[in-house]
Amino acid sequence: MADTAIRTRKQASTKGEPRQVGRLPRAAVHHPWWFALPAVVVFAGFFLVPNLLNFYYPFTNWSSYHADIAFTGLDNFRTIADDGSLLRAIRTTLLYALLAALFQNGFGLVLALLLEADTRFNRFFRAVFFLPVLISALATGYVFQALLDQDGAVNSVLGTDIPWLGSTTWTLVLVTLIHGWKWMGLSMLIYLAGLKGIPGEMLEAAKCDGAGPWRTFWSVRWPMLAPAVTFNVTTALIGSMNTFDIVQATTGGGPAASTEVFNIYMFRVFGQGLYAQASTMSLVLFLIVVALAIPLVFGLRRREQLL
């Protein structure tokens, strides 16, 4: 009787219940490695190989003036070090990065605070302010170049004749404002995510303690936004140090090389056929970005822990 009951139970479980699948056959889970070959080829051809060659060409005489590529050691580094325009380009790039990061994060934080409430009006304007992020940076530069030209729309509306892009002092500030306007929507979204992640109980407790809007922001909201600040500041600085298209479209590095950031300088040297020197500058820029990014990230992460 017991054996008959066990057999009946097994048959019932086989017919009425789904059979639990154990380990799948190897043929069912095996994927040929060559499925990934197209992605590997694209990654190697357009990213890995060019980046590896960028560590080799700076030590050669590669240019349009030599038929063969020969090893020259540190000659290219000495050549660009003796050129005073290199230090000027580095100084201009660092100033550009600081101003662009300041404007981008300032605009983004203000917009996030103004559009924090989840209303239909705010959702619409969040999309509006994010639109510049989706526009080509080169197109943005050309649009502003046309607007700020001495014969452009801005002077026509104001009835003035101001050379907005002709000042060796203020043009760099103006271009960084354009950069900040273009990318402020991205910073706004990150800050909005940080604001939404603040527990409501903390804000209610601050309100019960008599804290006003400014005190609540400075003592509660700002410390809780530390991860968002870390992300936005780091990406803004690194991204603006690699800028090219906005500056190229608006000023081309002028006037009098006052906006000639590192990539514009590199582009000019490459256009002269000095490919190895341009590669050397690219390597120098890479080392500068790494040297600044690592302590910046560690410093901001330590600030998060302290707050």
Protein backbone atom coordinates (compact mmCIF):
# COMPACT_ATOMS: atom_id res chain seq x y z
CA MET A 1 0.00 0.00 0.00
CA ALA A 2 2.81 2.40 0.86
CA ASP A 3 4.59 1.74 -2.45
CA THR A 4 1.33 2.25 -4.36
CA ALA A 5 0.74 5.62 -2.60
CA ILE A 6 4.29 6.81 -3.38
CA ARG A 7 3.92 5.85 -7.07
CA THR A 8 0.55 7.63 -7.25
CA ARG A 9 2.04 10.77 -5.68
CA LYS A 10 4.96 10.78 -8.14
CA GLN A 11 2.61 10.37 -11.09
CA ALA A 12 0.39 13.18 -9.86
CA SER A 13 3.34 15.50 -9.42
CA THR A 14 4.59 14.60 -12.90
CA LYS A 15 1.22 15.22 -14.57
CA GLY A 16 -0.23 18.14 -12.59
CA GLU A 17 2.75 20.18 -11.37
CA PRO A 18 5.51 21.78 -13.43
CA ARG A 19 8.64 19.75 -13.31
CA GLN A 20 11.52 21.63 -11.67
CA VAL A 21 14.36 22.06 -14.06
CA GLY A 22 17.74 21.43 -12.63
CA ARG A 23 20.97 22.27 -14.34
CA LEU A 24 20.47 23.12 -18.00
CA PRO A 25 22.40 21.10 -20.57
CA ARG A 26 25.68 22.68 -21.56
CA ALA A 27 24.48 23.14 -25.14
CA ALA A 28 21.57 25.28 -23.87
CA VAL A 29 23.74 27.80 -21.98
CA HIS A 30 26.82 27.83 -24.16
CA HIS A 31 27.33 30.99 -26.25
CA PRO A 32 30.13 31.01 -28.84
CA TRP A 33 32.84 33.55 -27.99
CA TRP A 34 32.78 34.97 -31.48
CA PHE A 35 29.33 36.49 -30.79
CA ALA A 36 31.23 39.27 -29.03
CA LEU A 37 33.77 39.67 -31.84
CA PRO A 38 32.10 42.65 -33.59
CA ALA A 39 31.96 44.63 -30.32
CA VAL A 40 35.55 43.68 -29.49
CA VAL A 41 36.75 44.79 -32.95
CA VAL A 42 34.97 48.14 -32.70
CA PHE A 43 36.25 48.72 -29.16
CA ALA A 44 39.81 47.79 -30.10
CA GLY A 45 39.85 49.71 -33.37
CA PHE A 46 38.29 52.95 -32.19
CA PHE A 47 39.33 53.11 -28.54
CA LEU A 48 41.98 50.67 -27.34
CA VAL A 49 44.50 50.86 -30.20
CA PRO A 50 44.38 54.69 -30.60
CA ASN A 51 44.86 55.15 -26.86
CA LEU A 52 47.79 52.75 -26.77
CA LEU A 53 49.39 54.47 -29.77
CA ASN A 54 49.00 57.79 -27.95
CA PHE A 55 51.63 56.50 -25.52
CA TYR A 56 53.99 55.69 -28.40
CA TYR A 57 53.77 58.50 -30.95
CA PRO A 58 54.88 61.26 -28.53
CA PHE A 59 58.31 59.63 -28.52
CA THR A 60 58.66 59.64 -32.32
CA ASN A 61 59.18 62.17 -35.12
CA TRP A 62 55.80 61.43 -36.76
CA SER A 63 54.85 64.35 -38.98
CA SER A 64 53.92 65.24 -42.53
CA TYR A 65 57.55 66.26 -43.09
CA HIS A 66 59.08 62.80 -42.49
CA ALA A 67 58.58 59.78 -44.68
CA ASP A 68 59.44 57.34 -41.89
CA ILE A 69 58.57 57.30 -38.20
CA ALA A 70 61.65 57.12 -35.97
CA PHE A 71 62.09 57.06 -32.22
CA THR A 72 63.26 60.43 -30.84
CA GLY A 73 62.96 60.00 -27.08
CA LEU A 74 61.90 63.09 -25.14
CA ASP A 75 62.57 65.59 -27.92
CA ASN A 76 58.89 66.41 -28.42
CA PHE A 77 58.44 67.08 -24.71
CA ARG A 78 61.41 69.46 -24.75
CA THR A 79 60.06 71.22 -27.83
CA ILE A 80 56.61 71.93 -26.40
CA ALA A 81 58.11 72.86 -23.02
CA ASP A 82 60.25 75.53 -24.69
CA ASP A 83 57.14 76.92 -26.40
CA GLY A 84 55.52 79.50 -24.13
CA SER A 85 52.12 78.91 -25.74
CA LEU A 86 51.90 75.52 -24.04
CA LEU A 87 51.88 77.02 -20.54
CA ARG A 88 49.40 79.65 -21.71
CA ALA A 89 47.11 76.95 -23.09
CA ILE A 90 47.30 75.00 -19.80
CA ARG A 91 46.53 78.12 -17.79
CA THR A 92 43.62 79.02 -20.08
CA THR A 93 42.26 75.46 -19.89
CA LEU A 94 42.37 75.37 -16.08
CA LEU A 95 40.65 78.76 -15.83
CA TYR A 96 38.05 77.67 -18.37
CA ALA A 97 37.39 74.44 -16.44
CA LEU A 98 36.96 76.24 -13.11
CA LEU A 99 34.58 78.87 -14.51
CA ALA A 100 32.58 76.37 -16.57
CA ALA A 101 32.18 74.02 -13.59
CA LEU A 102 31.13 76.95 -11.40
CA PHE A 103 28.49 78.19 -13.86
CA GLN A 104 27.22 74.72 -14.75
CA ASN A 105 26.76 73.67 -11.13
CA GLY A 106 25.44 77.06 -10.02
CA PHE A 107 22.80 77.16 -12.75
CA GLY A 108 21.93 73.49 -12.21
CA LEU A 109 21.51 73.82 -8.44
CA VAL A 110 19.35 76.94 -8.71
CA LEU A 111 17.12 75.27 -11.31
CA ALA A 112 16.82 72.12 -9.18
CA LEU A 113 15.71 74.15 -6.16
CA LEU A 114 13.22 76.19 -8.19
CA LEU A 115 11.74 73.16 -9.99
CA GLU A 116 11.83 70.71 -7.08
CA ALA A 117 8.06 70.51 -6.57
CA ASP A 118 6.56 67.76 -8.70
CA THR A 119 3.97 69.83 -10.59
CA ARG A 120 3.01 69.83 -14.26
CA PHE A 121 4.50 73.31 -14.66
CA ASN A 122 7.83 72.21 -13.18
CA ARG A 123 7.96 68.99 -15.20
CA PHE A 124 7.50 70.99 -18.40
CA PHE A 125 10.31 73.40 -17.58
CA ARG A 126 12.63 70.61 -16.47
CA ALA A 127 12.33 69.25 -20.01
CA VAL A 128 12.86 72.74 -21.45
CA PHE A 129 16.06 73.34 -19.49
CA PHE A 130 17.35 69.86 -20.33
CA LEU A 131 16.99 70.44 -24.09
CA PRO A 132 20.40 72.18 -24.49
CA VAL A 133 22.09 68.99 -23.29
CA LEU A 134 20.65 67.17 -26.30
CA ILE A 135 21.80 69.81 -28.79
CA SER A 136 25.17 69.41 -30.47
CA ALA A 137 27.85 71.45 -28.71
CA LEU A 138 29.18 72.60 -32.07
CA ALA A 139 25.72 73.78 -33.12
CA THR A 140 25.34 75.58 -29.79
CA GLY A 141 28.62 77.39 -30.37
CA TYR A 142 27.66 78.51 -33.88
CA VAL A 143 24.27 79.77 -32.68
CA PHE A 144 25.82 81.88 -29.94
CA GLN A 145 28.55 83.06 -32.29
CA ALA A 146 25.85 84.40 -34.62
CA LEU A 147 23.92 85.97 -31.73
CA LEU A 148 26.95 87.64 -30.16
CA ASP A 149 28.59 88.82 -33.36
CA GLN A 150 29.08 92.57 -33.56
CA ASP A 151 26.40 92.64 -36.25
CA GLY A 152 24.36 89.93 -34.55
CA ALA A 153 20.94 89.74 -32.97
CA VAL A 154 21.98 90.76 -29.44
CA ASN A 155 23.43 94.10 -30.53
CA SER A 156 20.44 94.64 -32.83
CA VAL A 157 17.98 94.14 -29.96
CA LEU A 158 19.98 96.24 -27.51
CA GLY A 159 20.81 98.90 -30.08
CA THR A 160 24.51 98.66 -29.22
CA ASP A 161 27.73 97.92 -31.08
CA ILE A 162 29.56 95.83 -28.46
CA PRO A 163 32.19 93.31 -29.67
CA TRP A 164 31.02 90.57 -27.29
CA LEU A 165 33.57 88.07 -28.57
CA GLY A 166 36.35 90.57 -29.10
CA SER A 167 37.62 91.16 -25.57
CA THR A 168 40.82 89.45 -24.45
CA THR A 169 39.57 89.69 -20.84
CA TRP A 170 35.86 88.89 -20.87
CA THR A 171 35.45 86.60 -23.89
CA LEU A 172 36.68 83.58 -21.94
CA VAL A 173 34.10 84.28 -19.23
CA LEU A 174 31.39 84.60 -21.86
CA VAL A 175 32.32 81.29 -23.50
CA THR A 176 32.28 79.52 -20.12
CA LEU A 177 28.81 80.96 -19.53
CA ILE A 178 27.72 79.36 -22.81
CA HIS A 179 29.30 76.08 -21.68
CA GLY A 180 27.48 76.29 -18.35
CA TRP A 181 24.16 77.03 -20.09
CA LYS A 182 24.61 74.07 -22.42
CA TRP A 183 25.22 71.51 -19.65
CA MET A 184 23.20 72.97 -16.76
CA GLY A 185 20.29 70.61 -17.49
CA LEU A 186 22.42 67.58 -16.68
CA SER A 187 23.52 69.06 -13.35
CA MET A 188 19.91 70.03 -12.65
CA LEU A 189 18.77 66.41 -13.00
CA ILE A 190 21.49 65.12 -10.68
CA TYR A 191 20.68 67.74 -8.04
CA LEU A 192 16.96 66.99 -8.40
CA ALA A 193 17.67 63.32 -7.76
CA GLY A 194 19.68 64.30 -4.67
CA LEU A 195 16.89 66.55 -3.38
CA LYS A 196 14.29 63.83 -3.92
CA GLY A 197 16.44 61.44 -1.89
CA ILE A 198 16.38 63.62 1.26
CA PRO A 199 14.02 62.03 3.84
CA GLY A 200 10.95 64.18 4.52
CA GLU A 201 11.31 63.52 8.26
CA MET A 202 14.57 65.48 8.34
CA LEU A 203 12.96 68.49 6.68
CA GLU A 204 9.98 68.30 9.02
CA ALA A 205 12.29 68.10 12.03
CA ALA A 206 14.20 71.16 10.87
CA LYS A 207 10.93 73.03 10.37
CA CYS A 208 9.74 72.05 13.86
CA ASP A 209 13.03 73.33 15.29
CA GLY A 210 12.28 76.74 13.78
CA ALA A 211 14.75 76.60 10.90
CA GLY A 212 13.92 78.89 8.00
CA PRO A 213 14.38 78.08 4.29
CA TRP A 214 18.02 79.23 4.20
CA ARG A 215 18.95 77.47 7.44
CA THR A 216 17.21 74.28 6.28
CA PHE A 217 19.10 74.38 2.99
CA TRP A 218 22.50 75.04 4.53
CA SER A 219 22.21 72.64 7.49
CA VAL A 220 20.12 69.82 6.01
CA ARG A 221 19.82 69.89 2.25
CA TRP A 222 23.33 70.95 1.31
CA PRO A 223 25.09 68.21 3.39
CA MET A 224 22.68 65.61 1.99
CA LEU A 225 23.55 66.74 -1.55
CA ALA A 226 27.22 65.81 -1.08
CA PRO A 227 27.14 62.76 -3.44
CA ALA A 228 25.42 64.85 -6.14
CA VAL A 229 28.02 67.60 -5.69
CA THR A 230 30.83 65.07 -6.03
CA PHE A 231 29.44 63.70 -9.28
CA ASN A 232 28.57 67.08 -10.81
CA VAL A 233 31.79 68.86 -9.90
CA THR A 234 34.00 65.99 -11.06
CA THR A 235 32.23 65.48 -14.40
CA ALA A 236 32.00 69.23 -15.04
CA LEU A 237 35.70 69.81 -14.42
CA ILE A 238 36.90 66.83 -16.44
CA GLY A 239 34.45 67.52 -19.26
CA SER A 240 35.34 71.21 -19.52
CA MET A 241 39.07 70.46 -19.52
CA ASN A 242 38.45 68.39 -22.66
CA THR A 243 36.34 71.06 -24.32
CA PHE A 244 36.81 71.84 -27.99
CA ASP A 245 33.63 72.33 -30.00
CA ILE A 246 32.04 75.28 -28.19
CA VAL A 247 35.28 77.27 -28.17
CA GLN A 248 36.09 76.35 -31.76
CA ALA A 249 32.64 77.43 -32.98
CA THR A 250 32.44 80.69 -31.03
CA THR A 251 35.97 82.13 -31.07
CA GLY A 252 38.33 79.60 -32.65
CA GLY A 253 40.73 80.33 -29.78
CA GLY A 254 40.74 84.11 -30.22
CA PRO A 255 40.92 86.97 -29.77
CA ALA A 256 44.72 86.99 -29.45
CA ALA A 257 44.64 83.35 -28.25
CA SER A 258 42.82 84.42 -25.05
CA THR A 259 40.42 81.44 -25.36
CA GLU A 260 42.90 78.97 -26.84
CA VAL A 261 42.27 76.01 -24.57
CA PHE A 262 44.47 72.94 -24.76
CA ASN A 263 42.47 71.08 -27.39
CA ILE A 264 42.34 74.13 -29.65
CA TYR A 265 46.12 74.49 -29.32
CA MET A 266 46.54 70.79 -30.06
CA PHE A 267 44.23 71.05 -33.08
CA ARG A 268 46.27 73.96 -34.44
CA VAL A 269 49.57 72.07 -34.07
CA PHE A 270 48.08 68.94 -35.65
CA GLY A 271 46.88 71.05 -38.58
CA GLN A 272 50.48 72.15 -39.13
CA GLY A 273 51.44 68.53 -39.76
CA LEU A 274 53.29 68.10 -36.45
CA TYR A 275 51.46 64.94 -35.48
CA ALA A 276 53.93 63.71 -32.88
CA GLN A 277 53.88 67.05 -31.06
CA ALA A 278 50.08 67.03 -31.08
CA SER A 279 50.15 63.50 -29.63
CA THR A 280 52.59 64.72 -26.99
CA MET A 281 50.17 67.48 -26.02
CA SER A 282 47.36 64.94 -25.85
CA LEU A 283 49.43 62.82 -23.49
CA VAL A 284 50.27 65.87 -21.36
CA LEU A 285 46.56 66.76 -21.14
CA PHE A 286 45.76 63.20 -20.11
CA LEU A 287 48.35 63.32 -17.33
CA ILE A 288 47.06 66.72 -16.13
CA VAL A 289 43.47 65.44 -16.00
CA VAL A 290 44.52 62.32 -14.08
CA ALA A 291 46.67 64.36 -11.69
CA LEU A 292 43.75 66.68 -10.93
CA ALA A 293 40.89 64.15 -11.00
CA ILE A 294 42.29 61.65 -8.50
CA PRO A 295 42.84 64.07 -5.57
CA LEU A 296 39.60 65.88 -6.46
CA VAL A 297 37.53 62.70 -6.24
CA PHE A 298 39.23 61.57 -3.03
CA GLY A 299 38.78 65.02 -1.49
CA LEU A 300 35.09 65.21 -2.37
CA ARG A 301 34.46 61.66 -1.14
CA ARG A 302 36.17 62.48 2.14
CA ARG A 303 33.94 65.56 2.39
CA GLU A 304 30.90 63.27 2.01
CA GLN A 305 32.07 61.18 4.95
CA LEU A 306 32.72 64.22 7.13
CA LEU A 307 29.26 65.64 6.40
